[in-house]
Amino acid sequence: MDKIKTSDYRVDQTIHLKDIATLNMLSSTEKKLKKRLRDTRDKLSKLQDVFYAHNKYSVLICFQGMDTAGKDSLIREVFQDFNSRGVVVHSFKTPTFKEKQHDYLWRHYVALPERGKFGVFNRTHYENVLVTRVHPEYIIGENIPGINSVEDIDEKFWESRFEQINNFEKHLVANGTIIFKFFLHLSKEEQKNRLLRRLIREDKNWKFSPGDLEERELWDKYQDYYEKAINNTSSKEAPWYIIPADNKKAARAIVADILYDELKVIEEVQYPTLDPSIKSQIEHYKQVLNQQ
């Protein structure tokens, strides 16, 4: 079975999405991919328990991708063996009225995982340099001083947002959050197939919205802005990983392997040692319990 090299997916230099493959089968059958994921998922769940007990680091896992890229099913499949007390999934939709009364990062900040826990963001703070860039009129709704019309939103505005996001993530890392950012890289042809499947299968109809087709017409813009966002915000502290997403099972296996390979090497994360005064009395406590 293919060995996944994290470095093959991590963004360490300027990338062009059109040059990056959207399909990787890992030279495996679907049956082998499912088994691979089960094995890694089991190891991840055990590792999660250690992080929870250690209670010093939190892990933030961010997923971005075009509609139908497979974010929901990937999250369901990769994290299903986690203890529910140690993982929280947030799916960010259109900002609410209350959220708009704060800066654009606020709703993400308050959803960050506590120490010892894993937080999964299904769509992330990057929507604020993606969707809002394709639809700059959304920025007006943020009621930002000095931004009164779309004409006020220039290239310096987006550069400033990239800097703010980088500073936000740098602050999190410095205070014990380990960040993974995954872009599920889907081809336009595969998106068409998945949208057609939503229309053909009655059990998938509910997922379809005419708005999906309107956004699909803006495909090239989205690809351009994803590329700009990734190139401006992939750092050593909070790297982006570009995951070929045309095959869902392979994408899930790759994400799970990257998470496990990167987290298992943090030697500091161990189960806490028992207080010596308690440890020295273990046999006594056993006797007490056996007599009760």
Protein backbone atom coordinates (compact mmCIF):
# COMPACT_ATOMS: atom_id res chain seq x y z
CA MET A 1 0.00 0.00 0.00
CA ASP A 2 1.30 3.45 -0.94
CA LYS A 3 3.09 5.45 1.74
CA ILE A 4 1.60 8.93 2.05
CA LYS A 5 4.26 11.64 2.27
CA THR A 6 2.90 14.71 4.00
CA SER A 7 5.33 16.90 2.07
CA ASP A 8 3.66 15.88 -1.21
CA TYR A 9 0.50 17.72 -0.15
CA ARG A 10 1.82 20.53 2.05
CA VAL A 11 2.16 23.96 0.43
CA ASP A 12 5.75 25.09 0.98
CA GLN A 13 6.08 27.30 -2.09
CA THR A 14 3.94 29.24 -4.56
CA ILE A 15 1.38 26.95 -6.19
CA HIS A 16 -0.83 27.05 -9.28
CA LEU A 17 -3.98 25.00 -8.80
CA LYS A 18 -4.29 24.17 -12.49
CA ASP A 19 -0.99 22.29 -12.23
CA ILE A 20 -2.06 20.16 -9.27
CA ALA A 21 -3.89 16.85 -9.77
CA THR A 22 -7.45 16.48 -8.49
CA LEU A 23 -7.35 12.67 -8.55
CA ASN A 24 -5.19 10.28 -6.54
CA MET A 25 -6.25 6.67 -6.04
CA LEU A 26 -3.12 5.77 -4.03
CA SER A 27 -2.82 2.70 -6.29
CA SER A 28 -5.48 1.06 -4.12
CA THR A 29 -8.91 -0.42 -4.60
CA GLU A 30 -11.87 1.16 -2.83
CA LYS A 31 -11.91 -1.80 -0.42
CA LYS A 32 -8.26 -1.23 0.50
CA LEU A 33 -8.84 2.51 0.87
CA LYS A 34 -11.70 1.88 3.31
CA LYS A 35 -9.52 -0.50 5.35
CA ARG A 36 -6.66 1.98 5.33
CA LEU A 37 -8.96 4.68 6.68
CA ARG A 38 -10.35 2.36 9.39
CA ASP A 39 -6.83 1.53 10.57
CA THR A 40 -5.69 5.15 10.66
CA ARG A 41 -8.96 6.29 12.23
CA ASP A 42 -8.41 3.85 15.07
CA LYS A 43 -4.90 5.17 15.68
CA LEU A 44 -6.15 8.75 15.54
CA SER A 45 -8.84 8.07 18.12
CA LYS A 46 -6.25 6.64 20.52
CA LEU A 47 -4.03 9.67 19.92
CA GLN A 48 -6.98 11.97 20.58
CA ASP A 49 -7.40 10.38 23.99
CA VAL A 50 -3.78 11.20 24.84
CA PHE A 51 -4.24 14.83 23.74
CA TYR A 52 -7.35 15.07 25.90
CA ALA A 53 -5.54 13.71 28.95
CA HIS A 54 -2.43 15.82 28.34
CA ASN A 55 -4.62 18.94 28.17
CA LYS A 56 -1.99 21.37 26.88
CA TYR A 57 -2.56 21.54 23.12
CA SER A 58 -5.70 22.00 21.08
CA VAL A 59 -5.96 20.93 17.43
CA LEU A 60 -7.81 23.01 14.83
CA ILE A 61 -8.59 21.28 11.55
CA CYS A 62 -9.94 23.50 8.76
CA PHE A 63 -11.64 22.29 5.59
CA GLN A 64 -12.27 24.40 2.51
CA GLY A 65 -13.39 23.40 -0.96
CA MET A 66 -15.87 24.07 -3.71
CA ASP A 67 -19.46 22.87 -3.33
CA THR A 68 -19.65 19.03 -3.50
CA ALA A 69 -15.92 18.68 -2.67
CA GLY A 70 -16.86 16.15 0.03
CA LYS A 71 -16.25 18.12 3.23
CA ASP A 72 -19.27 16.77 5.14
CA SER A 73 -18.69 13.11 4.36
CA LEU A 74 -14.93 13.40 4.96
CA ILE A 75 -15.52 14.86 8.41
CA ARG A 76 -18.06 12.15 9.19
CA GLU A 77 -15.76 9.31 8.07
CA VAL A 78 -12.43 10.53 9.45
CA PHE A 79 -13.61 11.54 12.92
CA GLN A 80 -16.34 8.98 13.65
CA ASP A 81 -14.19 7.00 16.09
CA PHE A 82 -13.28 10.04 18.18
CA ASN A 83 -14.67 10.29 21.68
CA SER A 84 -17.42 12.90 21.39
CA ARG A 85 -16.13 14.73 24.49
CA GLY A 86 -12.89 15.52 22.66
CA VAL A 87 -14.02 16.80 19.25
CA VAL A 88 -16.37 19.60 18.19
CA VAL A 89 -17.43 20.28 14.60
CA HIS A 90 -18.54 23.75 13.51
CA SER A 91 -20.17 24.38 10.15
CA PHE A 92 -20.05 28.06 9.29
CA LYS A 93 -22.97 29.37 7.25
CA THR A 94 -23.93 32.93 6.27
CA PRO A 95 -23.08 35.21 9.23
CA THR A 96 -26.00 35.95 11.56
CA PHE A 97 -27.04 39.45 12.62
CA LYS A 98 -25.19 39.02 15.92
CA GLU A 99 -22.04 37.79 14.20
CA LYS A 100 -22.08 40.82 11.92
CA GLN A 101 -21.99 43.05 14.99
CA HIS A 102 -18.42 41.84 15.52
CA ASP A 103 -15.34 41.68 13.32
CA TYR A 104 -15.26 38.84 10.79
CA LEU A 105 -12.93 36.66 12.88
CA TRP A 106 -15.01 36.83 16.05
CA ARG A 107 -17.38 33.95 15.31
CA HIS A 108 -14.41 31.73 14.51
CA TYR A 109 -12.49 32.75 17.61
CA VAL A 110 -15.34 31.86 19.97
CA ALA A 111 -15.65 28.44 18.28
CA LEU A 112 -11.99 27.47 18.79
CA PRO A 113 -11.31 24.16 20.56
CA GLU A 114 -10.40 24.11 24.23
CA ARG A 115 -7.08 22.70 25.36
CA GLY A 116 -7.00 18.96 24.90
CA LYS A 117 -9.73 19.01 22.25
CA PHE A 118 -9.97 18.82 18.48
CA GLY A 119 -12.01 21.44 16.65
CA VAL A 120 -13.14 20.87 13.06
CA PHE A 121 -14.18 23.86 10.95
CA ASN A 122 -16.39 22.96 7.98
CA ARG A 123 -15.77 26.13 5.98
CA THR A 124 -13.64 28.55 7.88
CA HIS A 125 -12.40 32.10 8.38
CA TYR A 126 -11.12 31.80 4.80
CA GLU A 127 -14.64 32.34 3.52
CA ASN A 128 -13.84 35.98 4.28
CA VAL A 129 -11.22 36.11 1.52
CA LEU A 130 -13.03 33.74 -0.85
CA VAL A 131 -16.81 34.14 -1.01
CA THR A 132 -16.55 37.81 -0.07
CA ARG A 133 -13.97 38.34 -2.79
CA VAL A 134 -16.18 36.75 -5.43
CA HIS A 135 -19.11 38.74 -4.01
CA PRO A 136 -17.51 41.91 -2.59
CA GLU A 137 -20.95 43.38 -1.91
CA TYR A 138 -21.07 41.06 1.13
CA ILE A 139 -18.32 43.16 2.71
CA ILE A 140 -20.65 46.16 2.88
CA GLY A 141 -22.81 44.16 5.31
CA GLU A 142 -19.87 44.02 7.74
CA ASN A 143 -20.29 47.77 8.35
CA ILE A 144 -16.54 48.47 8.39
CA PRO A 145 -15.38 52.06 8.88
CA GLY A 146 -14.15 53.54 5.60
CA ILE A 147 -15.84 50.88 3.46
CA ASN A 148 -18.98 52.48 2.07
CA SER A 149 -19.15 50.91 -1.38
CA VAL A 150 -17.62 48.08 -3.41
CA GLU A 151 -15.27 50.64 -4.97
CA ASP A 152 -13.63 51.10 -1.55
CA ILE A 153 -12.54 47.44 -1.52
CA ASP A 154 -9.17 47.43 -3.27
CA GLU A 155 -6.20 45.08 -3.41
CA LYS A 156 -4.77 46.61 -0.21
CA PHE A 157 -7.94 45.59 1.60
CA TRP A 158 -7.38 41.91 0.72
CA GLU A 159 -3.68 42.11 1.53
CA SER A 160 -4.65 43.48 4.93
CA ARG A 161 -7.05 40.59 5.48
CA PHE A 162 -4.36 38.06 4.65
CA GLU A 163 -2.09 39.74 7.19
CA GLN A 164 -4.86 39.70 9.81
CA ILE A 165 -5.53 36.01 9.21
CA ASN A 166 -1.82 35.17 9.39
CA ASN A 167 -1.53 37.08 12.67
CA PHE A 168 -4.65 35.36 14.01
CA GLU A 169 -3.22 31.92 13.27
CA LYS A 170 0.24 32.84 14.53
CA HIS A 171 -1.32 33.94 17.82
CA LEU A 172 -3.23 30.66 18.12
CA VAL A 173 -0.14 28.55 17.45
CA ALA A 174 1.92 30.53 19.97
CA ASN A 175 -0.72 29.72 22.59
CA GLY A 176 -0.91 25.98 21.99
CA THR A 177 -3.19 25.40 19.00
CA ILE A 178 -1.95 23.06 16.28
CA ILE A 179 -3.48 24.09 12.94
CA PHE A 180 -4.15 22.02 9.84
CA LYS A 181 -5.73 23.62 6.76
CA PHE A 182 -7.01 21.31 4.02
CA PHE A 183 -8.17 22.44 0.59
CA LEU A 184 -10.19 19.69 -1.10
CA HIS A 185 -9.13 20.14 -4.71
CA LEU A 186 -12.02 19.12 -6.95
CA SER A 187 -12.20 19.19 -10.76
CA LYS A 188 -15.01 21.08 -12.48
CA GLU A 189 -16.02 17.89 -14.30
CA GLU A 190 -16.34 15.92 -11.08
CA GLN A 191 -18.38 18.70 -9.52
CA LYS A 192 -20.78 18.47 -12.46
CA ASN A 193 -21.12 14.71 -11.91
CA ARG A 194 -21.86 15.19 -8.22
CA LEU A 195 -24.43 17.90 -8.87
CA LEU A 196 -26.12 15.67 -11.45
CA ARG A 197 -26.19 12.89 -8.86
CA ARG A 198 -28.05 15.22 -6.51
CA LEU A 199 -30.67 15.77 -9.20
CA ILE A 200 -30.96 12.10 -10.21
CA ARG A 201 -31.11 10.48 -6.76
CA GLU A 202 -34.19 11.29 -4.72
CA ASP A 203 -32.31 10.83 -1.45
CA LYS A 204 -29.85 13.51 -2.62
CA ASN A 205 -32.38 16.00 -4.04
CA TRP A 206 -32.55 17.93 -0.79
CA LYS A 207 -28.89 18.91 -1.17
CA PHE A 208 -29.44 20.67 -4.48
CA SER A 209 -30.00 24.40 -4.79
CA PRO A 210 -30.28 26.44 -8.02
CA GLY A 211 -27.71 28.70 -6.40
CA ASP A 212 -25.17 25.88 -6.87
CA LEU A 213 -25.35 26.45 -10.63
CA GLU A 214 -24.94 30.21 -10.26
CA GLU A 215 -21.82 29.73 -8.14
CA ARG A 216 -20.51 27.14 -10.60
CA GLU A 217 -20.50 29.82 -13.31
CA LEU A 218 -17.97 31.65 -11.14
CA TRP A 219 -15.64 28.63 -11.00
CA ASP A 220 -12.60 30.41 -12.47
CA LYS A 221 -12.92 33.29 -10.02
CA TYR A 222 -13.09 30.91 -7.09
CA GLN A 223 -10.05 28.99 -8.30
CA ASP A 224 -8.10 32.23 -8.67
CA TYR A 225 -9.02 33.45 -5.19
CA TYR A 226 -8.36 30.07 -3.58
CA GLU A 227 -4.93 30.13 -5.16
CA LYS A 228 -4.25 33.64 -3.85
CA ALA A 229 -5.50 32.75 -0.36
CA ILE A 230 -3.40 29.61 -0.14
CA ASN A 231 -0.25 31.29 -1.45
CA ASN A 232 -0.63 34.21 0.98
CA THR A 233 -1.43 32.22 4.12
CA SER A 234 0.42 28.90 4.01
CA SER A 235 3.04 29.21 6.73
CA LYS A 236 5.34 26.93 8.66
CA GLU A 237 3.12 27.40 11.71
CA ALA A 238 -0.19 26.89 9.89
CA PRO A 239 0.38 25.16 6.55
CA TRP A 240 -2.13 24.43 3.82
CA TYR A 241 -2.47 20.91 2.41
CA ILE A 242 -3.97 20.46 -1.05
CA ILE A 243 -5.89 17.17 -1.18
CA PRO A 244 -6.98 15.64 -4.51
CA ALA A 245 -10.74 15.30 -3.99
CA ASP A 246 -12.14 13.64 -7.12
CA ASN A 247 -12.04 10.32 -5.30
CA LYS A 248 -13.65 10.72 -1.89
CA LYS A 249 -12.25 7.56 -0.30
CA ALA A 250 -8.69 8.44 -1.29
CA ALA A 251 -9.13 12.01 -0.02
CA ARG A 252 -10.32 10.72 3.36
CA ALA A 253 -7.37 8.33 3.65
CA ILE A 254 -4.88 11.07 2.77
CA VAL A 255 -6.30 13.54 5.31
CA ALA A 256 -6.36 10.92 8.07
CA ASP A 257 -2.78 9.83 7.35
CA ILE A 258 -1.50 13.42 7.36
CA LEU A 259 -3.19 14.16 10.69
CA TYR A 260 -1.80 11.02 12.33
CA ASP A 261 1.71 11.38 10.90
CA GLU A 262 2.01 15.01 11.99
CA LEU A 263 0.50 14.59 15.46
CA LYS A 264 2.18 11.35 16.52
CA VAL A 265 5.64 12.94 16.45
CA ILE A 266 4.84 15.53 19.14
CA GLU A 267 6.77 13.76 21.88
CA GLU A 268 5.63 16.10 24.62
CA VAL A 269 2.05 14.84 24.36
CA GLN A 270 1.85 11.94 26.83
CA TYR A 271 -0.57 10.65 29.41
CA PRO A 272 -0.02 12.55 32.68
CA THR A 273 2.02 10.74 35.30
CA LEU A 274 0.22 9.79 38.47
CA ASP A 275 0.99 11.78 41.60
CA PRO A 276 3.73 9.86 43.51
CA SER A 277 1.71 9.93 46.72
CA ILE A 278 -1.18 8.19 44.95
CA LYS A 279 1.02 5.84 42.92
CA SER A 280 2.72 4.56 46.05
CA GLN A 281 -0.66 3.59 47.49
CA ILE A 282 -2.08 1.76 44.45
CA GLU A 283 -1.91 -1.66 46.10
CA HIS A 284 -3.65 -0.26 49.16
CA TYR A 285 -6.44 1.22 47.05
CA LYS A 286 -6.89 -2.14 45.30
CA GLN A 287 -7.29 -3.86 48.67
CA VAL A 288 -9.84 -1.28 49.80
CA LEU A 289 -11.91 -1.76 46.65
CA ASN A 290 -11.77 -5.54 46.89
CA GLN A 291 -13.06 -5.35 50.45
CA GLN A 292 -16.01 -3.13 49.61
